[in-house]
Amino acid sequence: MTFTQGLRLLGFDADLVPAAAAVVHVPSRRKIFQTDLPGRVGWGEAGSGYAVVHTPTFNRAIDLSPCHNPALFGPTGKSTIGSMPVVLPLEARRSLADGDRLMTPREDYLLNWMLFPSYRPRLTKLLKGVEVEMQKDAEFLAFAAIDVMKTLVPVRNTKRMFDEYPQIRSRIAAGKDSSEVSRVHRKW
C-alpha cells in the first residue's frame, strides 16, 4: 500500500489488486509458496491479504514480495530469486478481471499470480487502521524518488521523462525533498 500511495503522490495511477500467488521450483516441480485465494481460509474474506500493484500509467503489475519471501531464501539466508521486485507488462489500457493470470520465470522458479480486482473493497477494509502510517511512509518514499530524479537532471537528458510525465517536473520544481519529510516522520 505504501508503494501504491507513493506512486499516487508522484502523480501516477496506481492501485492494489488482491491476488493469489504461487511459486513453483521448476526442476523439482515442487510448489514452495502459495497464498490463499480471496474468500477462502486466511485473513477472512480478503484471502491472505496478498496483492500486487497495478499501474495503469505504465501498463504494469508489480509484486514487491517475492524477493522478501522466507520460503524463497536459500541456505545462505539470501533470496534465491534475487532482490528485485517482479514487474510484469500488461496489455495496454485493458481493465483487469477476476481470474486474470500472470506468470514469469525467475531462475529455477516459476512465479504465478491470479488477480481478483473485485475484492478491492475487502482488501481496503483489511487495511483500515494503518493508512496514516502508510501515508507517512509513502510521502517519504515519493520524496526520496524525487531526490534521485533531481540528481539525474544535470547529467541526463530528462526531456523525454518530463514530456511523458510533466508531474515529475512540477514536483522537482516545488523544491521539497526527503530530508524535509524525514524531519516530520523519523521512522527511518
Protein backbone atom coordinates (compact mmCIF):
# COMPACT_ATOMS: atom_id res chain seq x y z
CA MET A 1 0.00 0.00 0.00
CA THR A 2 2.90 2.36 0.76
CA PHE A 3 4.36 1.89 -2.73
CA THR A 4 0.94 2.45 -4.32
CA GLN A 5 0.39 5.66 -2.34
CA GLY A 6 3.94 6.81 -3.17
CA LEU A 7 3.22 6.40 -6.88
CA ARG A 8 -0.01 8.38 -6.47
CA LEU A 9 1.87 11.19 -4.72
CA LEU A 10 4.17 11.31 -7.74
CA GLY A 11 1.11 11.74 -9.96
CA PHE A 12 0.80 8.21 -11.37
CA ASP A 13 -2.24 5.94 -11.41
CA ALA A 14 -1.72 3.01 -9.06
CA ASP A 15 -3.89 0.70 -7.03
CA LEU A 16 -3.67 -2.54 -5.12
CA VAL A 17 -5.21 -5.62 -6.69
CA PRO A 18 -5.90 -8.61 -4.44
CA ALA A 19 -4.19 -11.69 -5.80
CA ALA A 20 -3.32 -15.27 -5.13
CA ALA A 21 0.32 -16.11 -5.72
CA ALA A 22 2.28 -19.32 -6.09
CA VAL A 23 5.93 -20.12 -6.69
CA VAL A 24 6.99 -23.43 -8.18
CA HIS A 25 10.53 -24.79 -8.12
CA VAL A 26 10.67 -26.00 -11.73
CA PRO A 27 13.39 -28.69 -11.53
CA SER A 28 11.66 -30.47 -8.63
CA ARG A 29 8.11 -29.47 -9.70
CA ARG A 30 7.51 -28.59 -6.07
CA LYS A 31 5.23 -25.73 -5.04
CA ILE A 32 7.23 -23.89 -2.39
CA PHE A 33 4.92 -20.98 -1.74
CA GLN A 34 1.22 -20.36 -2.18
CA THR A 35 -1.19 -17.77 -0.80
CA ASP A 36 -4.86 -18.29 -0.13
CA LEU A 37 -7.44 -17.27 -2.67
CA PRO A 38 -9.65 -14.34 -1.68
CA GLY A 39 -12.78 -15.58 0.08
CA ARG A 40 -11.05 -18.70 1.41
CA VAL A 41 -9.18 -19.53 4.59
CA GLY A 42 -6.72 -16.85 5.61
CA TRP A 43 -7.43 -13.30 6.57
CA GLY A 44 -11.19 -13.58 6.21
CA GLU A 45 -12.91 -12.52 3.04
CA ALA A 46 -9.80 -10.85 1.62
CA GLY A 47 -7.93 -14.17 1.49
CA SER A 48 -4.33 -13.89 2.63
CA GLY A 49 -4.23 -10.13 2.07
CA TYR A 50 -1.77 -10.66 -0.79
CA ALA A 51 -1.88 -8.02 -3.51
CA VAL A 52 0.03 -6.71 -6.50
CA VAL A 53 0.34 -3.08 -7.53
CA HIS A 54 -1.44 -2.24 -10.76
CA THR A 55 -0.06 0.83 -12.53
CA PRO A 56 -2.27 1.79 -15.48
CA THR A 57 0.10 4.70 -16.19
CA PHE A 58 2.83 2.22 -17.13
CA ASN A 59 0.64 -0.81 -18.00
CA ARG A 60 2.42 -2.90 -15.39
CA ALA A 61 1.70 -5.19 -12.49
CA ILE A 62 4.35 -5.01 -9.76
CA ASP A 63 4.88 -7.52 -6.98
CA LEU A 64 7.32 -6.37 -4.33
CA SER A 65 7.02 -9.55 -2.23
CA PRO A 66 8.77 -12.49 -3.90
CA CYS A 67 12.28 -11.27 -3.19
CA HIS A 68 11.42 -10.97 0.51
CA ASN A 69 9.53 -14.23 0.99
CA PRO A 70 11.26 -16.51 3.54
CA ALA A 71 10.14 -19.59 1.55
CA LEU A 72 12.45 -18.44 -1.25
CA PHE A 73 15.57 -17.97 0.88
CA GLY A 74 18.36 -20.45 0.34
CA PRO A 75 20.75 -21.84 2.96
CA THR A 76 22.74 -18.57 2.87
CA GLY A 77 19.73 -16.61 4.07
CA LYS A 78 19.54 -14.71 0.77
CA SER A 79 16.67 -14.80 -1.66
CA THR A 80 17.15 -17.47 -4.29
CA ILE A 81 15.36 -15.39 -6.92
CA GLY A 82 17.16 -12.10 -6.43
CA SER A 83 16.33 -8.89 -4.68
CA MET A 84 14.36 -7.08 -7.35
CA PRO A 85 10.56 -6.84 -7.41
CA VAL A 86 8.72 -8.54 -10.24
CA VAL A 87 7.44 -6.10 -12.87
CA LEU A 88 5.14 -7.60 -15.47
CA PRO A 89 3.81 -5.88 -18.60
CA LEU A 90 0.04 -5.79 -19.05
CA GLU A 91 -1.98 -5.30 -22.19
CA ALA A 92 -2.32 -1.59 -22.90
CA ARG A 93 -5.19 0.07 -21.03
CA ARG A 94 -7.10 -3.17 -20.56
CA SER A 95 -9.16 -3.41 -17.41
CA LEU A 96 -8.36 -6.28 -15.09
CA ALA A 97 -10.83 -9.07 -14.43
CA ASP A 98 -11.14 -11.73 -11.74
CA GLY A 99 -9.17 -14.78 -12.73
CA ASP A 100 -6.62 -12.94 -14.90
CA ARG A 101 -3.38 -14.90 -14.71
CA LEU A 102 0.18 -13.67 -14.87
CA MET A 103 3.37 -15.69 -14.77
CA THR A 104 7.07 -15.28 -15.24
CA PRO A 105 10.15 -17.47 -14.82
CA ARG A 106 12.91 -16.40 -12.48
CA GLU A 107 16.00 -18.59 -12.28
CA ASP A 108 14.73 -22.11 -11.36
CA TYR A 109 11.30 -20.83 -10.33
CA LEU A 110 8.00 -20.08 -11.99
CA LEU A 111 6.08 -17.27 -10.32
CA ASN A 112 2.30 -17.25 -10.85
CA TRP A 113 -0.48 -14.85 -9.93
CA MET A 114 -4.24 -14.88 -10.24
CA LEU A 115 -5.82 -11.44 -9.89
CA PHE A 116 -9.09 -10.62 -8.13
CA PRO A 117 -9.85 -6.90 -8.68
CA SER A 118 -13.45 -7.30 -7.46
CA TYR A 119 -12.04 -7.96 -3.97
CA ARG A 120 -10.51 -4.46 -3.66
CA PRO A 121 -13.17 -3.26 -1.17
CA ARG A 122 -12.44 -6.25 1.08
CA LEU A 123 -8.70 -5.56 0.95
CA THR A 124 -9.33 -1.89 1.76
CA LYS A 125 -11.34 -2.96 4.80
CA LEU A 126 -8.48 -5.26 5.85
CA LEU A 127 -6.00 -2.34 5.74
CA LYS A 128 -8.14 0.04 7.81
CA GLY A 129 -6.24 1.46 10.73
CA VAL A 130 -2.80 1.51 9.12
CA GLU A 131 -3.49 4.18 6.46
CA VAL A 132 -1.96 7.08 8.42
CA GLU A 133 1.40 5.35 8.98
CA MET A 134 1.45 4.09 5.41
CA GLN A 135 0.71 7.57 4.11
CA LYS A 136 3.71 8.95 6.03
CA ASP A 137 5.92 6.19 4.61
CA ALA A 138 4.54 6.89 1.13
CA GLU A 139 5.42 10.58 1.43
CA PHE A 140 8.98 9.70 2.40
CA LEU A 141 9.23 7.20 -0.47
CA ALA A 142 7.88 9.71 -3.01
CA PHE A 143 10.23 12.47 -1.90
CA ALA A 144 13.19 10.08 -1.88
CA ALA A 145 12.32 9.24 -5.51
CA ILE A 146 12.23 12.97 -6.30
CA ASP A 147 15.67 13.34 -4.69
CA VAL A 148 17.04 10.64 -7.01
CA MET A 149 15.41 12.24 -10.05
CA LYS A 150 16.89 15.63 -9.11
CA THR A 151 20.36 14.13 -9.37
CA LEU A 152 19.58 12.96 -12.92
CA VAL A 153 18.65 16.40 -14.22
CA PRO A 154 22.22 17.74 -14.59
CA VAL A 155 23.71 14.52 -16.00
CA ARG A 156 21.00 13.01 -18.20
CA ASN A 157 18.65 14.20 -20.85
CA THR A 158 15.43 14.25 -18.84
CA LYS A 159 13.35 15.98 -21.52
CA ARG A 160 11.61 12.77 -22.59
CA MET A 161 10.78 11.85 -18.98
CA PHE A 162 9.44 15.36 -18.32
CA ASP A 163 7.47 15.35 -21.60
CA GLU A 164 5.87 11.99 -20.74
CA TYR A 165 5.38 12.74 -17.05
CA PRO A 166 5.06 16.51 -16.53
CA GLN A 167 4.01 15.96 -12.92
CA ILE A 168 7.61 14.91 -12.16
CA ARG A 169 8.96 18.23 -13.43
CA SER A 170 6.45 20.15 -11.30
CA ARG A 171 7.27 18.13 -8.17
CA ILE A 172 11.00 18.70 -8.67
CA ALA A 173 10.35 22.42 -9.20
CA ALA A 174 8.33 22.53 -5.96
CA GLY A 175 11.62 22.13 -4.10
CA LYS A 176 10.56 19.74 -1.30
CA ASP A 177 12.88 16.85 -0.62
CA SER A 178 13.04 13.75 1.57
CA SER A 179 15.07 15.48 4.31
CA GLU A 180 12.13 17.82 4.90
CA VAL A 181 9.73 14.89 5.09
CA SER A 182 12.05 12.82 7.29
CA ARG A 183 12.23 15.64 9.86
CA VAL A 184 8.49 15.22 10.28
CA HIS A 185 8.50 11.43 10.03
CA ARG A 186 11.56 9.95 11.74
CA LYS A 187 10.58 6.29 11.33
CA TRP A 188 13.72 5.58 9.25
